[in-house]
Amino acid sequence: MSRPPARPTAAESEPDRAERPEPEAGSTPTPAAAAAIGSLSDLPVAGLTRRRIALLIGALVAAWVIVLFARQVGEASEATARASDMRASNATLARDVAAAQHELTLIQQQAYIEQQAREYRLGHPREIPFILADDAPPLAADAPGSAAVRLGEVVDRRTPIESWLDLLFGSPDDAESGLPPATG
């Protein structure tokens, strides 16, 4: 059971009256105004009213929702980046698997097996095996079969007389450039 609030006695109410300002002469406070003056529970504490507290809670909830949304957007973009990386990785792995399958079909052919057997001198009896020395010099740039000499390429070879004439009188390129002929 709740008890009704106790009324202040005359002795207790005296100090309260001393703290309150006296009403102006000629004005009598209304009962509602007197109740408002006498109750401290209706006064806002540090400027916080119910409306301001509701706005503050609403702002905090809105900020929380925005932060959650931003986190989900960030996680979604991260997942998209991981998925694209996985797609690229899968494409690379698919190329590697295709290359390995091609190599497997190649090494299972009889011609490849015979070629590798020659390395161990297991070829035909009439074959003469040979091995290049480790310190063998590289082939010349114009050796037959090298990349410098292409099949069907026209090679401009000068005759010995043309070389002598260029040496004695200069080449036609020197005359066009304005340089004096080369003398030996």
Protein backbone atom coordinates (compact mmCIF):
# COMPACT_ATOMS: atom_id res chain seq x y z
CA MET A 1 0.00 0.00 0.00
CA SER A 2 1.18 3.44 -0.73
CA ARG A 3 0.89 6.20 1.76
CA PRO A 4 -0.16 9.66 0.80
CA PRO A 5 2.64 12.17 0.93
CA ALA A 6 3.02 13.82 4.26
CA ARG A 7 2.18 17.49 4.47
CA PRO A 8 4.90 19.69 5.74
CA THR A 9 4.35 21.10 9.13
CA ALA A 10 4.33 24.77 9.77
CA ALA A 11 7.88 24.63 11.11
CA GLU A 12 9.20 22.92 8.01
CA SER A 13 7.48 25.23 5.62
CA GLU A 14 8.93 28.36 7.18
CA PRO A 15 12.44 27.92 5.70
CA ASP A 16 10.93 27.17 2.30
CA ARG A 17 9.03 30.43 2.44
CA ALA A 18 12.18 32.31 3.32
CA GLU A 19 13.93 30.99 0.21
CA ARG A 20 11.05 31.78 -2.12
CA PRO A 21 10.68 35.31 -3.36
CA GLU A 22 7.66 37.08 -2.11
CA PRO A 23 4.99 37.70 -4.71
CA GLU A 24 4.67 41.21 -5.90
CA ALA A 25 2.16 43.36 -4.26
CA GLY A 26 -1.20 43.20 -5.90
CA SER A 27 -0.57 39.90 -7.70
CA THR A 28 -1.90 36.73 -6.29
CA PRO A 29 -0.55 33.46 -7.61
CA THR A 30 -3.07 31.10 -9.11
CA PRO A 31 -3.33 27.62 -7.69
CA ALA A 32 -1.64 26.10 -10.79
CA ALA A 33 1.21 28.57 -10.62
CA ALA A 34 1.60 27.94 -6.95
CA ALA A 35 1.79 24.20 -7.59
CA ALA A 36 4.38 24.72 -10.35
CA ILE A 37 6.53 26.85 -8.12
CA GLY A 38 6.35 24.38 -5.31
CA SER A 39 7.30 21.26 -7.40
CA LEU A 40 10.91 20.74 -8.49
CA SER A 41 10.13 17.59 -10.50
CA ASP A 42 8.77 19.65 -13.40
CA LEU A 43 11.92 21.73 -13.74
CA PRO A 44 14.32 20.49 -16.45
CA VAL A 45 17.63 19.25 -15.11
CA ALA A 46 20.61 20.77 -16.92
CA GLY A 47 18.41 21.81 -19.83
CA LEU A 48 17.23 18.25 -20.59
CA THR A 49 13.58 18.05 -21.41
CA ARG A 50 11.66 15.01 -22.51
CA ARG A 51 11.69 16.28 -26.08
CA ARG A 52 15.47 16.75 -26.07
CA ILE A 53 16.04 13.30 -24.57
CA ALA A 54 13.78 11.77 -27.26
CA LEU A 55 15.70 13.63 -29.98
CA LEU A 56 19.01 12.47 -28.49
CA ILE A 57 17.87 8.84 -28.39
CA GLY A 58 16.53 9.14 -31.95
CA ALA A 59 19.85 10.57 -33.15
CA LEU A 60 21.79 7.77 -31.45
CA VAL A 61 19.55 5.11 -33.03
CA ALA A 62 19.91 6.75 -36.47
CA ALA A 63 23.72 6.88 -36.08
CA TRP A 64 23.74 3.23 -35.03
CA VAL A 65 21.68 2.24 -38.10
CA ILE A 66 23.98 4.25 -40.39
CA VAL A 67 27.09 2.60 -38.91
CA LEU A 68 25.55 -0.86 -39.33
CA PHE A 69 24.61 -0.07 -42.93
CA ALA A 70 28.13 1.22 -43.66
CA ARG A 71 29.65 -1.96 -42.20
CA GLN A 72 27.42 -4.14 -44.35
CA VAL A 73 28.28 -2.14 -47.47
CA GLY A 74 31.99 -2.51 -46.65
CA GLU A 75 31.63 -6.26 -46.10
CA ALA A 76 29.69 -6.60 -49.35
CA SER A 77 32.37 -4.77 -51.34
CA GLU A 78 35.06 -6.89 -49.69
CA ALA A 79 33.14 -10.05 -50.59
CA THR A 80 32.82 -8.82 -54.19
CA ALA A 81 36.57 -8.22 -54.38
CA ARG A 82 37.27 -11.69 -52.96
CA ALA A 83 34.87 -13.24 -55.48
CA SER A 84 36.59 -11.51 -58.41
CA ASP A 85 39.99 -12.66 -57.10
CA MET A 86 38.65 -16.20 -56.85
CA ARG A 87 37.31 -16.00 -60.42
CA ALA A 88 40.74 -14.89 -61.67
CA SER A 89 42.41 -17.65 -59.65
CA ASN A 90 39.98 -20.22 -61.04
CA ALA A 91 40.69 -19.08 -64.60
CA THR A 92 44.45 -19.42 -63.97
CA LEU A 93 43.97 -22.86 -62.45
CA ALA A 94 41.81 -23.92 -65.41
CA ARG A 95 44.60 -22.85 -67.82
CA ASP A 96 47.14 -24.77 -65.73
CA VAL A 97 44.97 -27.89 -65.77
CA ALA A 98 44.50 -27.61 -69.55
CA ALA A 99 48.28 -27.22 -70.02
CA ALA A 100 48.95 -30.23 -67.77
CA GLN A 101 46.43 -32.33 -69.71
CA HIS A 102 48.06 -31.28 -72.99
CA GLU A 103 51.47 -32.18 -71.61
CA LEU A 104 50.14 -35.55 -70.44
CA THR A 105 48.86 -36.39 -73.94
CA LEU A 106 52.20 -35.25 -75.38
CA ILE A 107 54.39 -37.40 -73.13
CA GLN A 108 52.21 -40.44 -73.73
CA GLN A 109 52.95 -40.36 -77.48
CA GLN A 110 55.41 -42.91 -78.79
CA ALA A 111 57.62 -40.31 -80.54
CA TYR A 112 58.22 -38.46 -77.27
CA ILE A 113 59.02 -41.68 -75.42
CA GLU A 114 61.57 -42.66 -78.09
CA GLN A 115 63.18 -39.21 -77.98
CA GLN A 116 63.57 -39.36 -74.20
CA ALA A 117 64.91 -42.93 -74.45
CA ARG A 118 67.74 -41.67 -76.68
CA GLU A 119 69.01 -39.63 -73.75
CA TYR A 120 69.73 -42.95 -72.00
CA ARG A 121 71.14 -44.53 -75.20
CA LEU A 122 68.10 -46.71 -75.63
CA GLY A 123 67.50 -45.68 -79.27
CA HIS A 124 67.96 -47.67 -82.45
CA PRO A 125 71.13 -49.73 -82.75
CA ARG A 126 72.36 -47.77 -85.81
CA GLU A 127 72.10 -44.36 -84.09
CA ILE A 128 75.30 -42.63 -83.02
CA PRO A 129 74.75 -40.78 -79.76
CA PHE A 130 76.50 -37.47 -79.16
CA ILE A 131 76.54 -34.92 -76.40
CA LEU A 132 77.62 -31.28 -76.54
CA ALA A 133 80.35 -30.35 -74.12
CA ASP A 134 79.36 -28.15 -71.23
CA ASP A 135 81.93 -25.53 -72.25
CA ALA A 136 80.94 -25.50 -75.94
CA PRO A 137 80.73 -21.97 -77.38
CA PRO A 138 77.35 -20.71 -78.60
CA LEU A 139 76.54 -20.75 -82.30
CA ALA A 140 77.27 -17.70 -84.40
CA ALA A 141 74.38 -15.31 -85.01
CA ASP A 142 74.35 -16.12 -88.75
CA ALA A 143 74.65 -19.89 -88.35
CA PRO A 144 72.25 -21.97 -90.45
CA GLY A 145 68.97 -22.44 -88.63
CA SER A 146 69.50 -19.46 -86.33
CA ALA A 147 66.93 -16.72 -85.94
CA ALA A 148 69.18 -14.20 -87.73
CA VAL A 149 68.88 -16.10 -91.02
CA ARG A 150 65.20 -16.43 -91.82
CA LEU A 151 63.87 -18.79 -94.43
CA GLY A 152 63.43 -16.94 -97.71
CA GLU A 153 65.15 -13.77 -96.50
CA VAL A 154 67.12 -11.90 -99.14
CA VAL A 155 70.59 -11.19 -97.82
CA ASP A 156 72.44 -8.29 -99.45
CA ARG A 157 75.98 -9.58 -99.76
CA ARG A 158 78.62 -7.28 -101.19
CA THR A 159 81.17 -8.54 -103.60
CA PRO A 160 84.86 -8.04 -102.86
CA ILE A 161 85.17 -5.41 -105.62
CA GLU A 162 82.36 -3.36 -104.09
CA SER A 163 84.15 -3.47 -100.74
CA TRP A 164 87.38 -2.18 -102.39
CA LEU A 165 85.56 0.57 -104.23
CA ASP A 166 83.84 1.70 -101.04
CA LEU A 167 87.15 1.73 -99.25
CA LEU A 168 88.91 3.75 -101.95
CA PHE A 169 86.19 6.18 -103.00
CA GLY A 170 83.74 6.06 -100.08
CA SER A 171 80.31 4.59 -99.88
CA PRO A 172 77.26 6.26 -101.45
CA ASP A 173 75.89 6.78 -97.92
CA ASP A 174 78.90 9.00 -97.11
CA ALA A 175 78.24 11.22 -100.15
CA GLU A 176 74.64 11.80 -99.11
CA SER A 177 75.57 12.68 -95.53
CA GLY A 178 78.17 15.26 -96.61
CA LEU A 179 81.07 13.46 -94.92
CA PRO A 180 84.41 13.30 -96.73
CA PRO A 181 85.26 9.87 -98.15
CA ALA A 182 87.13 7.51 -95.89
CA THR A 183 90.82 7.30 -96.73
CA GLY A 184 93.11 4.65 -95.49
